[in-house]
N, C-alpha and C. Protein backbone atom coordinates (compact mmCIF):
# COMPACT_ATOMS: atom_id res chain seq x y z
N UNK A 1 -23.44 8.11 -27.40
CA UNK A 1 -23.80 7.57 -26.11
C UNK A 1 -24.54 8.61 -25.27
N UNK A 2 -23.88 9.74 -24.98
CA UNK A 2 -24.51 10.77 -24.19
C UNK A 2 -24.49 10.54 -22.69
N UNK A 3 -23.75 9.54 -22.21
CA UNK A 3 -23.66 9.27 -20.78
C UNK A 3 -22.76 10.29 -20.10
N UNK A 4 -22.88 10.39 -18.78
CA UNK A 4 -22.05 11.30 -18.02
C UNK A 4 -21.35 10.57 -16.88
N UNK A 5 -20.04 10.80 -16.76
CA UNK A 5 -19.25 10.22 -15.68
C UNK A 5 -18.37 11.31 -15.10
N UNK A 6 -17.90 11.11 -13.88
CA UNK A 6 -17.02 12.10 -13.28
C UNK A 6 -16.10 11.46 -12.26
N UNK A 7 -15.02 12.15 -11.97
CA UNK A 7 -14.09 11.65 -10.98
C UNK A 7 -12.77 12.39 -11.06
N UNK A 8 -11.79 11.83 -10.38
CA UNK A 8 -10.46 12.44 -10.30
C UNK A 8 -9.56 11.91 -11.41
N UNK A 9 -8.78 12.81 -12.00
CA UNK A 9 -7.77 12.42 -12.98
C UNK A 9 -6.59 11.86 -12.19
N UNK A 10 -6.27 10.57 -12.42
CA UNK A 10 -5.21 9.94 -11.64
C UNK A 10 -3.92 9.74 -12.43
N UNK A 11 -3.97 9.93 -13.73
CA UNK A 11 -2.75 9.79 -14.52
C UNK A 11 -2.93 10.35 -15.91
N UNK A 12 -1.87 10.92 -16.45
CA UNK A 12 -1.86 11.43 -17.82
C UNK A 12 -1.14 10.39 -18.67
N UNK A 13 -1.78 9.94 -19.74
CA UNK A 13 -1.23 8.88 -20.57
C UNK A 13 -0.52 9.41 -21.82
N UNK A 14 -1.12 10.38 -22.48
CA UNK A 14 -0.54 10.99 -23.68
C UNK A 14 -0.93 12.47 -23.67
N UNK A 15 -0.67 13.16 -24.78
CA UNK A 15 -1.05 14.57 -24.85
C UNK A 15 -2.55 14.77 -25.03
N UNK A 16 -3.32 13.68 -25.22
CA UNK A 16 -4.77 13.84 -25.33
C UNK A 16 -5.55 12.72 -24.62
N UNK A 17 -4.90 12.03 -23.68
CA UNK A 17 -5.58 10.93 -22.97
C UNK A 17 -5.13 10.87 -21.52
N UNK A 18 -6.07 10.45 -20.65
CA UNK A 18 -5.76 10.34 -19.23
C UNK A 18 -6.58 9.21 -18.62
N UNK A 19 -6.20 8.84 -17.39
CA UNK A 19 -6.92 7.80 -16.66
C UNK A 19 -7.80 8.48 -15.61
N UNK A 20 -9.07 8.07 -15.57
CA UNK A 20 -10.05 8.66 -14.68
C UNK A 20 -10.49 7.65 -13.65
N UNK A 21 -10.45 8.03 -12.36
CA UNK A 21 -10.99 7.23 -11.28
C UNK A 21 -12.44 7.67 -11.11
N UNK A 22 -13.37 6.84 -11.55
CA UNK A 22 -14.78 7.23 -11.59
C UNK A 22 -15.41 7.15 -10.21
N UNK A 23 -15.97 8.27 -9.77
CA UNK A 23 -16.67 8.32 -8.49
C UNK A 23 -18.13 8.75 -8.66
N UNK A 24 -18.48 9.28 -9.82
CA UNK A 24 -19.84 9.76 -10.07
C UNK A 24 -20.30 9.30 -11.45
N UNK A 25 -21.54 8.83 -11.52
CA UNK A 25 -22.16 8.49 -12.80
C UNK A 25 -23.58 9.05 -12.81
N UNK A 26 -24.05 9.40 -13.98
CA UNK A 26 -25.44 9.86 -14.08
C UNK A 26 -26.37 8.67 -13.93
N UNK A 27 -27.50 8.88 -13.31
CA UNK A 27 -28.47 7.81 -13.07
C UNK A 27 -29.06 7.26 -14.36
N UNK A 28 -29.13 8.09 -15.39
CA UNK A 28 -29.74 7.66 -16.66
C UNK A 28 -28.73 7.16 -17.69
N UNK A 29 -27.49 6.84 -17.25
CA UNK A 29 -26.50 6.31 -18.18
C UNK A 29 -27.00 5.03 -18.83
N UNK A 30 -26.65 4.84 -20.09
CA UNK A 30 -27.06 3.66 -20.84
C UNK A 30 -26.06 2.52 -20.71
N UNK A 31 -24.80 2.83 -20.43
CA UNK A 31 -23.76 1.81 -20.36
C UNK A 31 -23.15 1.75 -18.97
N UNK A 32 -22.42 0.66 -18.72
CA UNK A 32 -21.71 0.48 -17.47
C UNK A 32 -20.25 0.87 -17.68
N UNK A 33 -19.62 1.36 -16.60
CA UNK A 33 -18.24 1.80 -16.67
C UNK A 33 -17.45 1.19 -15.53
N UNK A 34 -16.16 0.97 -15.78
CA UNK A 34 -15.28 0.40 -14.77
C UNK A 34 -14.96 1.41 -13.69
N UNK A 35 -14.22 0.96 -12.68
CA UNK A 35 -13.79 1.86 -11.61
C UNK A 35 -12.83 2.91 -12.16
N UNK A 36 -12.00 2.51 -13.11
CA UNK A 36 -11.14 3.45 -13.82
C UNK A 36 -11.39 3.26 -15.32
N UNK A 37 -11.26 4.34 -16.06
CA UNK A 37 -11.41 4.29 -17.52
C UNK A 37 -10.35 5.18 -18.14
N UNK A 38 -9.90 4.77 -19.32
CA UNK A 38 -9.02 5.61 -20.13
C UNK A 38 -9.91 6.57 -20.92
N UNK A 39 -9.60 7.85 -20.85
CA UNK A 39 -10.38 8.88 -21.52
C UNK A 39 -9.53 9.54 -22.60
N UNK A 40 -10.06 9.60 -23.80
CA UNK A 40 -9.45 10.36 -24.90
C UNK A 40 -10.27 11.65 -25.02
N UNK A 41 -9.59 12.77 -25.03
CA UNK A 41 -10.27 14.05 -25.02
C UNK A 41 -10.79 14.40 -26.41
N UNK A 42 -12.10 14.60 -26.51
CA UNK A 42 -12.70 15.14 -27.73
C UNK A 42 -12.63 16.65 -27.70
N UNK A 43 -12.96 17.22 -26.53
CA UNK A 43 -12.95 18.67 -26.30
C UNK A 43 -12.71 18.87 -24.81
N UNK A 44 -12.05 19.95 -24.45
CA UNK A 44 -11.79 20.23 -23.03
C UNK A 44 -12.24 21.65 -22.70
N UNK A 45 -12.86 21.81 -21.53
CA UNK A 45 -13.30 23.12 -21.07
C UNK A 45 -12.82 23.29 -19.63
N UNK A 46 -11.93 24.26 -19.41
CA UNK A 46 -11.42 24.56 -18.09
C UNK A 46 -11.56 26.05 -17.86
N UNK A 47 -12.42 26.46 -16.91
CA UNK A 47 -12.61 27.90 -16.69
C UNK A 47 -11.33 28.62 -16.26
N UNK A 48 -10.37 27.90 -15.66
CA UNK A 48 -9.11 28.52 -15.26
C UNK A 48 -8.13 28.65 -16.43
N UNK A 49 -8.36 27.90 -17.48
CA UNK A 49 -7.50 27.93 -18.68
C UNK A 49 -8.41 28.02 -19.90
N UNK A 50 -9.18 29.12 -20.04
CA UNK A 50 -10.18 29.17 -21.10
C UNK A 50 -9.61 29.08 -22.51
N UNK A 51 -8.36 29.41 -22.67
CA UNK A 51 -7.77 29.34 -24.01
C UNK A 51 -6.89 28.10 -24.17
N UNK A 52 -7.12 27.09 -23.31
CA UNK A 52 -6.28 25.88 -23.37
C UNK A 52 -6.37 25.24 -24.75
N UNK A 53 -5.22 24.94 -25.31
CA UNK A 53 -5.14 24.18 -26.55
C UNK A 53 -4.19 23.03 -26.31
N UNK A 54 -4.56 21.86 -26.79
CA UNK A 54 -3.73 20.67 -26.61
C UNK A 54 -2.33 20.93 -27.15
N UNK A 55 -1.33 20.66 -26.32
CA UNK A 55 0.05 20.86 -26.75
C UNK A 55 0.89 19.64 -26.46
N UNK A 56 1.21 19.43 -25.19
CA UNK A 56 2.08 18.31 -24.83
C UNK A 56 1.47 17.54 -23.67
N UNK A 57 2.05 16.38 -23.40
CA UNK A 57 1.63 15.59 -22.25
C UNK A 57 1.82 16.40 -20.96
N UNK A 58 2.90 17.15 -20.87
CA UNK A 58 3.18 17.97 -19.69
C UNK A 58 2.14 19.06 -19.52
N UNK A 59 1.72 19.68 -20.63
CA UNK A 59 0.67 20.71 -20.56
C UNK A 59 -0.63 20.10 -20.03
N UNK A 60 -0.98 18.92 -20.54
CA UNK A 60 -2.20 18.27 -20.09
C UNK A 60 -2.11 17.91 -18.61
N UNK A 61 -0.94 17.47 -18.18
CA UNK A 61 -0.74 17.13 -16.77
C UNK A 61 -0.95 18.37 -15.89
N UNK A 62 -0.43 19.50 -16.32
CA UNK A 62 -0.58 20.74 -15.56
C UNK A 62 -2.06 21.13 -15.45
N UNK A 63 -2.82 20.93 -16.50
CA UNK A 63 -4.22 21.33 -16.53
C UNK A 63 -5.12 20.35 -15.79
N UNK A 64 -4.82 19.04 -15.85
CA UNK A 64 -5.77 18.04 -15.35
C UNK A 64 -5.35 17.21 -14.15
N UNK A 65 -4.08 16.91 -13.96
CA UNK A 65 -3.67 15.94 -12.94
C UNK A 65 -4.19 16.32 -11.56
N UNK A 66 -4.89 15.38 -10.93
CA UNK A 66 -5.42 15.57 -9.59
C UNK A 66 -6.71 16.37 -9.53
N UNK A 67 -7.20 16.82 -10.66
CA UNK A 67 -8.43 17.61 -10.69
C UNK A 67 -9.64 16.71 -10.85
N UNK A 68 -10.80 17.22 -10.44
CA UNK A 68 -12.06 16.52 -10.64
C UNK A 68 -12.63 16.99 -11.97
N UNK A 69 -13.00 16.05 -12.81
CA UNK A 69 -13.56 16.39 -14.12
C UNK A 69 -14.87 15.64 -14.33
N UNK A 70 -15.74 16.23 -15.12
CA UNK A 70 -16.91 15.51 -15.59
C UNK A 70 -16.73 15.29 -17.09
N UNK A 71 -17.22 14.14 -17.55
CA UNK A 71 -17.02 13.75 -18.95
C UNK A 71 -18.36 13.41 -19.58
N UNK A 72 -18.63 14.02 -20.71
CA UNK A 72 -19.77 13.62 -21.53
C UNK A 72 -19.25 12.61 -22.54
N UNK A 73 -19.67 11.37 -22.38
CA UNK A 73 -19.16 10.28 -23.21
C UNK A 73 -19.75 10.40 -24.61
N UNK A 74 -18.88 10.43 -25.61
CA UNK A 74 -19.31 10.47 -27.01
C UNK A 74 -19.44 9.04 -27.56
N UNK A 75 -18.39 8.23 -27.32
CA UNK A 75 -18.42 6.82 -27.75
C UNK A 75 -17.20 6.11 -27.16
N UNK A 76 -17.23 4.78 -27.21
CA UNK A 76 -16.08 3.97 -26.81
C UNK A 76 -15.34 3.56 -28.07
N UNK A 77 -14.03 3.88 -28.12
CA UNK A 77 -13.19 3.53 -29.26
C UNK A 77 -12.97 2.02 -29.26
N UNK A 78 -13.38 1.36 -30.32
CA UNK A 78 -13.31 -0.11 -30.37
C UNK A 78 -11.86 -0.62 -30.45
N UNK A 79 -10.94 0.19 -30.96
CA UNK A 79 -9.55 -0.25 -31.08
C UNK A 79 -8.80 -0.17 -29.75
N UNK A 80 -9.06 0.89 -28.98
CA UNK A 80 -8.30 1.11 -27.74
C UNK A 80 -9.12 0.82 -26.48
N UNK A 81 -10.42 0.62 -26.62
CA UNK A 81 -11.35 0.43 -25.50
C UNK A 81 -11.39 1.68 -24.61
N UNK A 82 -10.96 2.81 -25.14
CA UNK A 82 -11.00 4.07 -24.39
C UNK A 82 -12.29 4.81 -24.71
N UNK A 83 -12.71 5.66 -23.78
CA UNK A 83 -13.88 6.50 -23.99
C UNK A 83 -13.46 7.83 -24.58
N UNK A 84 -14.09 8.23 -25.67
CA UNK A 84 -13.87 9.55 -26.25
C UNK A 84 -14.92 10.47 -25.63
N UNK A 85 -14.45 11.53 -24.95
CA UNK A 85 -15.34 12.38 -24.16
C UNK A 85 -15.05 13.86 -24.35
N UNK A 86 -16.10 14.66 -24.12
CA UNK A 86 -15.91 16.08 -23.91
C UNK A 86 -15.68 16.23 -22.41
N UNK A 87 -14.60 16.91 -22.02
CA UNK A 87 -14.14 16.95 -20.63
C UNK A 87 -14.32 18.35 -20.07
N UNK A 88 -14.85 18.42 -18.86
CA UNK A 88 -15.10 19.69 -18.18
C UNK A 88 -14.45 19.65 -16.81
N UNK A 89 -13.52 20.56 -16.55
CA UNK A 89 -12.83 20.63 -15.26
C UNK A 89 -13.79 21.26 -14.26
N UNK A 90 -13.95 20.60 -13.11
CA UNK A 90 -14.91 21.04 -12.09
C UNK A 90 -14.17 21.38 -10.80
N UNK A 91 -14.90 22.00 -9.88
CA UNK A 91 -14.42 22.12 -8.51
C UNK A 91 -14.74 20.81 -7.83
N UNK A 92 -13.92 20.42 -6.85
CA UNK A 92 -14.18 19.16 -6.13
C UNK A 92 -15.55 19.22 -5.49
N UNK A 93 -16.35 18.12 -5.59
CA UNK A 93 -17.67 18.10 -4.95
C UNK A 93 -17.53 18.05 -3.44
N UNK A 94 -18.61 18.41 -2.75
CA UNK A 94 -18.64 18.37 -1.28
C UNK A 94 -18.20 17.01 -0.78
N UNK A 95 -17.33 17.00 0.21
CA UNK A 95 -16.92 15.75 0.83
C UNK A 95 -15.97 14.91 0.01
N UNK A 96 -15.44 15.45 -1.08
CA UNK A 96 -14.54 14.67 -1.93
C UNK A 96 -13.14 14.74 -1.40
């Protein structure tokens, strides 16, 4: 896909999935996205936790809950309807 979306992490679902409240989308996205989407992590990059390795749901909650992330969409999983994304933890945008 190659689309880009961003927003606040509003819930941790499993040790590799979370719910995203989408507030930002790239103008050149090819697909449409809901107000919230389930995200399955393909890869995660957090400058505050550069050595982060997936461990538990609690670890993921500590790293992501309430943070603003941008996601590079790889594909939508047809079985779960979730987006598989590379996830990048960001600083909150101006006015967020």
